[in-house]
């Protein structure tokens, strides 16, 4: 079952979201971004923390329905390949 990101991911909720995801790491292999529409670069911090957690178990994150803005941000920060966003 995928982990669904909320509509909004900003500094206000990023830490809580990161913790929620890490406590449900079995669902992080697939992250669904279909609801995501209000976010800043902190979403990348959350996704990278989850990716790091999965890598310790020999797994990786798969991001579905990534908005174009997320792909652009990942490119600007140089983490597109790490997150599988092209």
PDB file of N, CA and C in Angstrom:
ATOM      1  N   UNK A   1       0.846  -1.174   0.000  1.00  0.00           N
ATOM      2  CA  UNK A   1       0.000   0.000   0.000  1.00  0.00           C
ATOM      3  C   UNK A   1       0.894   1.241   0.000  1.00  0.00           C
ATOM      4  N   UNK A   2       0.617   2.203  -0.874  1.00  0.00           N
ATOM      5  CA  UNK A   2       1.472   3.390  -0.933  1.00  0.00           C
ATOM      6  C   UNK A   2       1.262   4.320   0.261  1.00  0.00           C
ATOM      7  N   UNK A   3       2.259   5.142   0.488  1.00  0.00           N
ATOM      8  CA  UNK A   3       2.164   6.207   1.484  1.00  0.00           C
ATOM      9  C   UNK A   3       1.722   7.452   0.728  1.00  0.00           C
ATOM     10  N   UNK A   4       0.626   8.049   1.125  1.00  0.00           N
ATOM     11  CA  UNK A   4       0.081   9.215   0.440  1.00  0.00           C
ATOM     12  C   UNK A   4       0.552  10.497   1.123  1.00  0.00           C
ATOM     13  N   UNK A   5       1.212  11.351   0.352  1.00  0.00           N
ATOM     14  CA  UNK A   5       1.579  12.660   0.879  1.00  0.00           C
ATOM     15  C   UNK A   5       0.319  13.520   0.974  1.00  0.00           C
ATOM     16  N   UNK A   6       0.262  14.398   1.967  1.00  0.00           N
ATOM     17  CA  UNK A   6      -0.889  15.292   2.079  1.00  0.00           C
ATOM     18  C   UNK A   6      -0.831  16.389   1.005  1.00  0.00           C
ATOM     19  N   UNK A   7      -1.847  17.219   0.950  1.00  0.00           N
ATOM     20  CA  UNK A   7      -1.880  18.322  -0.014  1.00  0.00           C
ATOM     21  C   UNK A   7      -0.776  19.327   0.243  1.00  0.00           C
ATOM     22  N   UNK A   8      -0.429  19.523   1.499  1.00  0.00           N
ATOM     23  CA  UNK A   8       0.535  20.553   1.867  1.00  0.00           C
ATOM     24  C   UNK A   8       1.722  19.944   2.613  1.00  0.00           C
ATOM     25  N   UNK A   9       2.925  20.251   2.145  1.00  0.00           N
ATOM     26  CA  UNK A   9       4.144  19.859   2.851  1.00  0.00           C
ATOM     27  C   UNK A   9       5.052  21.083   2.869  1.00  0.00           C
ATOM     28  N   UNK A  10       5.151  21.701   4.041  1.00  0.00           N
ATOM     29  CA  UNK A  10       5.995  22.868   4.243  1.00  0.00           C
ATOM     30  C   UNK A  10       6.715  22.714   5.574  1.00  0.00           C
ATOM     31  N   UNK A  11       7.441  23.733   5.968  1.00  0.00           N
ATOM     32  CA  UNK A  11       8.166  23.680   7.237  1.00  0.00           C
ATOM     33  C   UNK A  11       7.240  23.392   8.414  1.00  0.00           C
ATOM     34  N   UNK A  12       6.000  23.821   8.314  1.00  0.00           N
ATOM     35  CA  UNK A  12       5.066  23.643   9.422  1.00  0.00           C
ATOM     36  C   UNK A  12       4.749  22.173   9.722  1.00  0.00           C
ATOM     37  N   UNK A  13       4.734  21.330   8.702  1.00  0.00           N
ATOM     38  CA  UNK A  13       4.355  19.939   8.952  1.00  0.00           C
ATOM     39  C   UNK A  13       5.402  18.917   8.500  1.00  0.00           C
ATOM     40  N   UNK A  14       6.529  19.380   7.986  1.00  0.00           N
ATOM     41  CA  UNK A  14       7.516  18.451   7.427  1.00  0.00           C
ATOM     42  C   UNK A  14       8.090  17.490   8.463  1.00  0.00           C
ATOM     43  N   UNK A  15       8.445  17.984   9.627  1.00  0.00           N
ATOM     44  CA  UNK A  15       9.043  17.116  10.644  1.00  0.00           C
ATOM     45  C   UNK A  15       8.065  16.042  11.100  1.00  0.00           C
ATOM     46  N   UNK A  16       6.828  16.430  11.326  1.00  0.00           N
ATOM     47  CA  UNK A  16       5.811  15.459  11.738  1.00  0.00           C
ATOM     48  C   UNK A  16       5.574  14.420  10.640  1.00  0.00           C
ATOM     49  N   UNK A  17       5.518  14.873   9.401  1.00  0.00           N
ATOM     50  CA  UNK A  17       5.325  13.967   8.272  1.00  0.00           C
ATOM     51  C   UNK A  17       6.495  13.004   8.130  1.00  0.00           C
ATOM     52  N   UNK A  18       7.706  13.524   8.303  1.00  0.00           N
ATOM     53  CA  UNK A  18       8.896  12.664   8.231  1.00  0.00           C
ATOM     54  C   UNK A  18       8.822  11.567   9.286  1.00  0.00           C
ATOM     55  N   UNK A  19       8.494  11.943  10.510  1.00  0.00           N
ATOM     56  CA  UNK A  19       8.384  10.963  11.590  1.00  0.00           C
ATOM     57  C   UNK A  19       7.290   9.939  11.310  1.00  0.00           C
ATOM     58  N   UNK A  20       6.159  10.408  10.798  1.00  0.00           N
ATOM     59  CA  UNK A  20       5.054   9.503  10.474  1.00  0.00           C
ATOM     60  C   UNK A  20       5.482   8.472   9.435  1.00  0.00           C
ATOM     61  N   UNK A  21       6.177   8.949   8.412  1.00  0.00           N
ATOM     62  CA  UNK A  21       6.652   8.034   7.382  1.00  0.00           C
ATOM     63  C   UNK A  21       7.672   7.043   7.907  1.00  0.00           C
ATOM     64  N   UNK A  22       8.606   7.521   8.724  1.00  0.00           N
ATOM     65  CA  UNK A  22       9.642   6.628   9.260  1.00  0.00           C
ATOM     66  C   UNK A  22       9.049   5.570  10.179  1.00  0.00           C
ATOM     67  N   UNK A  23       7.956   5.896  10.852  1.00  0.00           N
ATOM     68  CA  UNK A  23       7.319   4.901  11.720  1.00  0.00           C
ATOM     69  C   UNK A  23       6.496   3.898  10.918  1.00  0.00           C
ATOM     70  N   UNK A  24       6.242   4.195   9.648  1.00  0.00           N
ATOM     71  CA  UNK A  24       5.518   3.286   8.753  1.00  0.00           C
ATOM     72  C   UNK A  24       6.382   2.959   7.544  1.00  0.00           C
ATOM     73  N   UNK A  25       7.654   2.687   7.787  1.00  0.00           N
ATOM     74  CA  UNK A  25       8.607   2.578   6.681  1.00  0.00           C
ATOM     75  C   UNK A  25       8.275   1.465   5.689  1.00  0.00           C
ATOM     76  N   UNK A  26       7.495   0.476   6.093  1.00  0.00           N
ATOM     77  CA  UNK A  26       7.130  -0.582   5.141  1.00  0.00           C
ATOM     78  C   UNK A  26       6.259  -0.045   4.012  1.00  0.00           C
ATOM     79  N   UNK A  27       5.586   1.091   4.232  1.00  0.00           N
ATOM     80  CA  UNK A  27       4.744   1.690   3.197  1.00  0.00           C
ATOM     81  C   UNK A  27       5.479   2.722   2.351  1.00  0.00           C
ATOM     82  N   UNK A  28       6.718   3.016   2.686  1.00  0.00           N
ATOM     83  CA  UNK A  28       7.442   4.084   1.994  1.00  0.00           C
ATOM     84  C   UNK A  28       8.025   3.670   0.653  1.00  0.00           C
ATOM     85  N   UNK A  29       7.991   2.413   0.332  1.00  0.00           N
ATOM     86  CA  UNK A  29       8.559   2.000  -0.951  1.00  0.00           C
ATOM     87  C   UNK A  29       7.847   2.677  -2.116  1.00  0.00           C
ATOM     88  N   UNK A  30       6.560   2.980  -1.931  1.00  0.00           N
ATOM     89  CA  UNK A  30       5.797   3.712  -2.940  1.00  0.00           C
ATOM     90  C   UNK A  30       5.168   4.921  -2.257  1.00  0.00           C
ATOM     91  N   UNK A  31       5.538   6.111  -2.721  1.00  0.00           N
ATOM     92  CA  UNK A  31       4.998   7.352  -2.177  1.00  0.00           C
ATOM     93  C   UNK A  31       4.142   8.001  -3.264  1.00  0.00           C
ATOM     94  N   UNK A  32       2.874   8.191  -2.957  1.00  0.00           N
ATOM     95  CA  UNK A  32       1.933   8.760  -3.907  1.00  0.00           C
ATOM     96  C   UNK A  32       1.807  10.254  -3.645  1.00  0.00           C
ATOM     97  N   UNK A  33       2.075  11.045  -4.674  1.00  0.00           N
ATOM     98  CA  UNK A  33       2.040  12.508  -4.558  1.00  0.00           C
ATOM     99  C   UNK A  33       0.828  13.123  -5.247  1.00  0.00           C
ATOM    100  N   UNK A  34      -0.184  12.339  -5.542  1.00  0.00           N
ATOM    101  CA  UNK A  34      -1.311  12.843  -6.325  1.00  0.00           C
ATOM    102  C   UNK A  34      -2.068  13.976  -5.638  1.00  0.00           C
ATOM    103  N   UNK A  35      -2.048  14.052  -4.322  1.00  0.00           N
ATOM    104  CA  UNK A  35      -2.737  15.136  -3.604  1.00  0.00           C
ATOM    105  C   UNK A  35      -1.844  16.347  -3.376  1.00  0.00           C
ATOM    106  N   UNK A  36      -0.555  16.195  -3.544  1.00  0.00           N
ATOM    107  CA  UNK A  36       0.402  17.244  -3.223  1.00  0.00           C
ATOM    108  C   UNK A  36       0.246  18.438  -4.160  1.00  0.00           C
ATOM    109  N   UNK A  37      -0.079  19.606  -3.586  1.00  0.00           N
ATOM    110  CA  UNK A  37      -0.196  20.796  -4.435  1.00  0.00           C
ATOM    111  C   UNK A  37       0.332  22.074  -3.782  1.00  0.00           C
ATOM    112  N   UNK A  38       0.644  22.033  -2.506  1.00  0.00           N
ATOM    113  CA  UNK A  38       1.180  23.198  -1.802  1.00  0.00           C
ATOM    114  C   UNK A  38       2.422  22.735  -1.044  1.00  0.00           C
ATOM    115  N   UNK A  39       3.594  23.032  -1.588  1.00  0.00           N
ATOM    116  CA  UNK A  39       4.821  22.522  -0.978  1.00  0.00           C
ATOM    117  C   UNK A  39       5.996  23.419  -1.320  1.00  0.00           C
ATOM    118  N   UNK A  40       7.039  23.254  -0.536  1.00  0.00           N
ATOM    119  CA  UNK A  40       8.293  23.944  -0.800  1.00  0.00           C
ATOM    120  C   UNK A  40       9.407  22.908  -0.759  1.00  0.00           C
ATOM    121  N   UNK A  41      10.637  23.357  -0.732  1.00  0.00           N
ATOM    122  CA  UNK A  41      11.761  22.429  -0.821  1.00  0.00           C
ATOM    123  C   UNK A  41      11.874  21.498   0.382  1.00  0.00           C
ATOM    124  N   UNK A  42      11.170  21.778   1.460  1.00  0.00           N
ATOM    125  CA  UNK A  42      11.234  20.870   2.611  1.00  0.00           C
ATOM    126  C   UNK A  42      10.686  19.488   2.267  1.00  0.00           C
ATOM    127  N   UNK A  43       9.850  19.395   1.264  1.00  0.00           N
ATOM    128  CA  UNK A  43       9.351  18.076   0.861  1.00  0.00           C
ATOM    129  C   UNK A  43      10.518  17.197   0.408  1.00  0.00           C
ATOM    130  N   UNK A  44      11.540  17.801  -0.184  1.00  0.00           N
ATOM    131  CA  UNK A  44      12.706  17.027  -0.602  1.00  0.00           C
ATOM    132  C   UNK A  44      13.446  16.460   0.601  1.00  0.00           C
ATOM    133  N   UNK A  45      13.521  17.229   1.661  1.00  0.00           N
ATOM    134  CA  UNK A  45      14.163  16.758   2.890  1.00  0.00           C
ATOM    135  C   UNK A  45      13.456  15.529   3.429  1.00  0.00           C
ATOM    136  N   UNK A  46      12.135  15.584   3.413  1.00  0.00           N
ATOM    137  CA  UNK A  46      11.329  14.456   3.894  1.00  0.00           C
ATOM    138  C   UNK A  46      11.565  13.226   3.016  1.00  0.00           C
ATOM    139  N   UNK A  47      11.479  13.404   1.716  1.00  0.00           N
ATOM    140  CA  UNK A  47      11.658  12.273   0.794  1.00  0.00           C
ATOM    141  C   UNK A  47      13.063  11.679   0.890  1.00  0.00           C
ATOM    142  N   UNK A  48      14.059  12.529   1.045  1.00  0.00           N
ATOM    143  CA  UNK A  48      15.436  12.029   1.165  1.00  0.00           C
ATOM    144  C   UNK A  48      15.651  11.281   2.473  1.00  0.00           C
ATOM    145  N   UNK A  49      15.029  11.728   3.544  1.00  0.00           N
ATOM    146  CA  UNK A  49      15.128  11.004   4.821  1.00  0.00           C
ATOM    147  C   UNK A  49      14.503   9.617   4.685  1.00  0.00           C
ATOM    148  N   UNK A  50      13.387   9.564   4.005  1.00  0.00           N
ATOM    149  CA  UNK A  50      12.736   8.262   3.794  1.00  0.00           C
ATOM    150  C   UNK A  50      13.588   7.372   2.906  1.00  0.00           C
ATOM    151  N   UNK A  51      14.177   7.947   1.860  1.00  0.00           N
ATOM    152  CA  UNK A  51      15.045   7.175   0.968  1.00  0.00           C
ATOM    153  C   UNK A  51      16.230   6.602   1.744  1.00  0.00           C
ATOM    154  N   UNK A  52      16.812   7.411   2.600  1.00  0.00           N
ATOM    155  CA  UNK A  52      17.949   6.952   3.407  1.00  0.00           C
ATOM    156  C   UNK A  52      17.546   5.774   4.292  1.00  0.00           C
ATOM    157  N   UNK A  53      16.384   5.861   4.908  1.00  0.00           N
ATOM    158  CA  UNK A  53      15.880   4.776   5.759  1.00  0.00           C
ATOM    159  C   UNK A  53      15.702   3.494   4.943  1.00  0.00           C
ATOM    160  N   UNK A  54      15.112   3.606   3.777  1.00  0.00           N
ATOM    161  CA  UNK A  54      14.898   2.430   2.935  1.00  0.00           C
ATOM    162  C   UNK A  54      16.224   1.828   2.471  1.00  0.00           C
ATOM    163  N   UNK A  55      17.185   2.669   2.162  1.00  0.00           N
ATOM    164  CA  UNK A  55      18.478   2.168   1.687  1.00  0.00           C
ATOM    165  C   UNK A  55      19.183   1.328   2.739  1.00  0.00           C
ATOM    166  N   UNK A  56      18.944   1.614   4.011  1.00  0.00           N
ATOM    167  CA  UNK A  56      19.559   0.797   5.059  1.00  0.00           C
ATOM    168  C   UNK A  56      19.031  -0.628   5.026  1.00  0.00           C
ATOM    169  N   UNK A  57      17.869  -0.810   4.401  1.00  0.00           N
ATOM    170  CA  UNK A  57      17.276  -2.145   4.261  1.00  0.00           C
ATOM    171  C   UNK A  57      17.407  -2.685   2.835  1.00  0.00           C
ATOM    172  N   UNK A  58      18.259  -2.047   2.032  1.00  0.00           N
ATOM    173  CA  UNK A  58      18.467  -2.499   0.660  1.00  0.00           C
ATOM    174  C   UNK A  58      17.311  -2.219  -0.271  1.00  0.00           C
ATOM    175  N   UNK A  59      16.477  -1.234   0.070  1.00  0.00           N
ATOM    176  CA  UNK A  59      15.313  -0.885  -0.751  1.00  0.00           C
ATOM    177  C   UNK A  59      15.462   0.547  -1.247  1.00  0.00           C
ATOM    178  N   UNK A  60      14.521   0.959  -2.082  1.00  0.00           N
ATOM    179  CA  UNK A  60      14.532   2.345  -2.539  1.00  0.00           C
ATOM    180  C   UNK A  60      13.103   2.854  -2.662  1.00  0.00           C
ATOM    181  N   UNK A  61      13.012   4.158  -2.713  1.00  0.00           N
ATOM    182  CA  UNK A  61      11.714   4.815  -2.784  1.00  0.00           C
ATOM    183  C   UNK A  61      11.261   4.912  -4.239  1.00  0.00           C
ATOM    184  N   UNK A  62       9.974   4.799  -4.446  1.00  0.00           N
ATOM    185  CA  UNK A  62       9.382   5.004  -5.759  1.00  0.00           C
ATOM    186  C   UNK A  62       8.302   6.064  -5.591  1.00  0.00           C
ATOM    187  N   UNK A  63       8.425   7.140  -6.345  1.00  0.00           N
ATOM    188  CA  UNK A  63       7.496   8.254  -6.213  1.00  0.00           C
ATOM    189  C   UNK A  63       6.536   8.246  -7.390  1.00  0.00           C
ATOM    190  N   UNK A  64       5.253   8.183  -7.072  1.00  0.00           N
ATOM    191  CA  UNK A  64       4.208   8.165  -8.100  1.00  0.00           C
ATOM    192  C   UNK A  64       3.498   9.512  -8.156  1.00  0.00           C
ATOM    193  N   UNK A  65       3.083   9.895  -9.354  1.00  0.00           N
ATOM    194  CA  UNK A  65       2.262  11.095  -9.576  1.00  0.00           C
ATOM    195  C   UNK A  65       2.931  12.364  -9.051  1.00  0.00           C
ATOM    196  N   UNK A  66       4.226  12.469  -9.270  1.00  0.00           N
ATOM    197  CA  UNK A  66       4.968  13.649  -8.823  1.00  0.00           C
ATOM    198  C   UNK A  66       4.567  14.858  -9.660  1.00  0.00           C
ATOM    199  N   UNK A  67       4.188  15.954  -8.998  1.00  0.00           N
ATOM    200  CA  UNK A  67       3.880  17.170  -9.754  1.00  0.00           C
ATOM    201  C   UNK A  67       5.141  17.712 -10.443  1.00  0.00           C
ATOM    202  N   UNK A  68       4.947  18.416 -11.519  1.00  0.00           N
ATOM    203  CA  UNK A  68       6.081  18.953 -12.271  1.00  0.00           C
ATOM    204  C   UNK A  68       6.968  19.831 -11.393  1.00  0.00           C
ATOM    205  N   UNK A  69       6.369  20.617 -10.506  1.00  0.00           N
ATOM    206  CA  UNK A  69       7.142  21.494  -9.623  1.00  0.00           C
ATOM    207  C   UNK A  69       8.093  20.680  -8.739  1.00  0.00           C
ATOM    208  N   UNK A  70       7.660  19.507  -8.299  1.00  0.00           N
ATOM    209  CA  UNK A  70       8.518  18.648  -7.479  1.00  0.00           C
ATOM    210  C   UNK A  70       9.710  18.156  -8.302  1.00  0.00           C
ATOM    211  N   UNK A  71       9.459  17.800  -9.529  1.00  0.00           N
ATOM    212  CA  UNK A  71      10.541  17.350 -10.411  1.00  0.00           C
ATOM    213  C   UNK A  71      11.540  18.473 -10.650  1.00  0.00           C
ATOM    214  N   UNK A  72      11.029  19.685 -10.852  1.00  0.00           N
ATOM    215  CA  UNK A  72      11.898  20.835 -11.078  1.00  0.00           C
ATOM    216  C   UNK A  72      12.734  21.117  -9.829  1.00  0.00           C
ATOM    217  N   UNK A  73      12.093  21.120  -8.654  1.00  0.00           N
ATOM    218  CA  UNK A  73      12.829  21.354  -7.403  1.00  0.00           C
ATOM    219  C   UNK A  73      13.921  20.307  -7.202  1.00  0.00           C
ATOM    220  N   UNK A  74      13.591  19.061  -7.454  1.00  0.00           N
ATOM    221  CA  UNK A  74      14.586  17.998  -7.302  1.00  0.00           C
ATOM    222  C   UNK A  74      15.755  18.218  -8.252  1.00  0.00           C
ATOM    223  N   UNK A  75      15.468  18.700  -9.450  1.00  0.00           N
ATOM    224  CA  UNK A  75      16.528  18.997 -10.409  1.00  0.00           C
ATOM    225  C   UNK A  75      17.403  20.154  -9.962  1.00  0.00           C
ATOM    226  N   UNK A  76      16.774  21.209  -9.446  1.00  0.00           N
ATOM    227  CA  UNK A  76      17.521  22.377  -8.976  1.00  0.00           C
ATOM    228  C   UNK A  76      18.451  21.999  -7.829  1.00  0.00           C
ATOM    229  N   UNK A  77      17.970  21.139  -6.942  1.00  0.00           N
ATOM    230  CA  UNK A  77      18.782  20.724  -5.790  1.00  0.00           C
ATOM    231  C   UNK A  77      19.693  19.536  -6.094  1.00  0.00           C
ATOM    232  N   UNK A  78      19.615  19.007  -7.296  1.00  0.00           N
ATOM    233  CA  UNK A  78      20.511  17.931  -7.701  1.00  0.00           C
ATOM    234  C   UNK A  78      20.206  16.579  -7.090  1.00  0.00           C
ATOM    235  N   UNK A  79      18.942  16.337  -6.747  1.00  0.00           N
ATOM    236  CA  UNK A  79      18.584  15.071  -6.109  1.00  0.00           C
ATOM    237  C   UNK A  79      17.605  14.245  -6.948  1.00  0.00           C
ATOM    238  N   UNK A  80      17.415  14.619  -8.196  1.00  0.00           N
ATOM    239  CA  UNK A  80      16.471  13.902  -9.067  1.00  0.00           C
ATOM    240  C   UNK A  80      16.784  12.411  -9.137  1.00  0.00           C
ATOM    241  N   UNK A  81      18.042  12.090  -9.379  1.00  0.00           N
ATOM    242  CA  UNK A  81      18.435  10.687  -9.525  1.00  0.00           C
ATOM    243  C   UNK A  81      18.256   9.925  -8.215  1.00  0.00           C
ATOM    244  N   UNK A  82      18.571  10.573  -7.088  1.00  0.00           N
ATOM    245  CA  UNK A  82      18.414   9.918  -5.792  1.00  0.00           C
ATOM    246  C   UNK A  82      16.973   9.531  -5.505  1.00  0.00           C
ATOM    247  N   UNK A  83      16.044  10.346  -6.025  1.00  0.00           N
ATOM    248  CA  UNK A  83      14.631  10.102  -5.764  1.00  0.00           C
ATOM    249  C   UNK A  83      13.914   9.457  -6.943  1.00  0.00           C
ATOM    250  N   UNK A  84      14.628   9.199  -8.019  1.00  0.00           N
ATOM    251  CA  UNK A  84      14.006   8.593  -9.184  1.00  0.00           C
ATOM    252  C   UNK A  84      13.057   9.535  -9.903  1.00  0.00           C
ATOM    253  N   UNK A  85      13.321  10.840  -9.815  1.00  0.00           N
ATOM    254  CA  UNK A  85      12.491  11.855 -10.487  1.00  0.00           C
ATOM    255  C   UNK A  85      13.239  12.412 -11.673  1.00  0.00           C
ATOM    256  N   UNK A  86      12.699  12.195 -12.842  1.00  0.00           N
ATOM    257  CA  UNK A  86      13.362  12.694 -14.053  1.00  0.00           C
ATOM    258  C   UNK A  86      12.411  13.482 -14.878  1.00  0.00           C
TER     259      UNK A  86
END
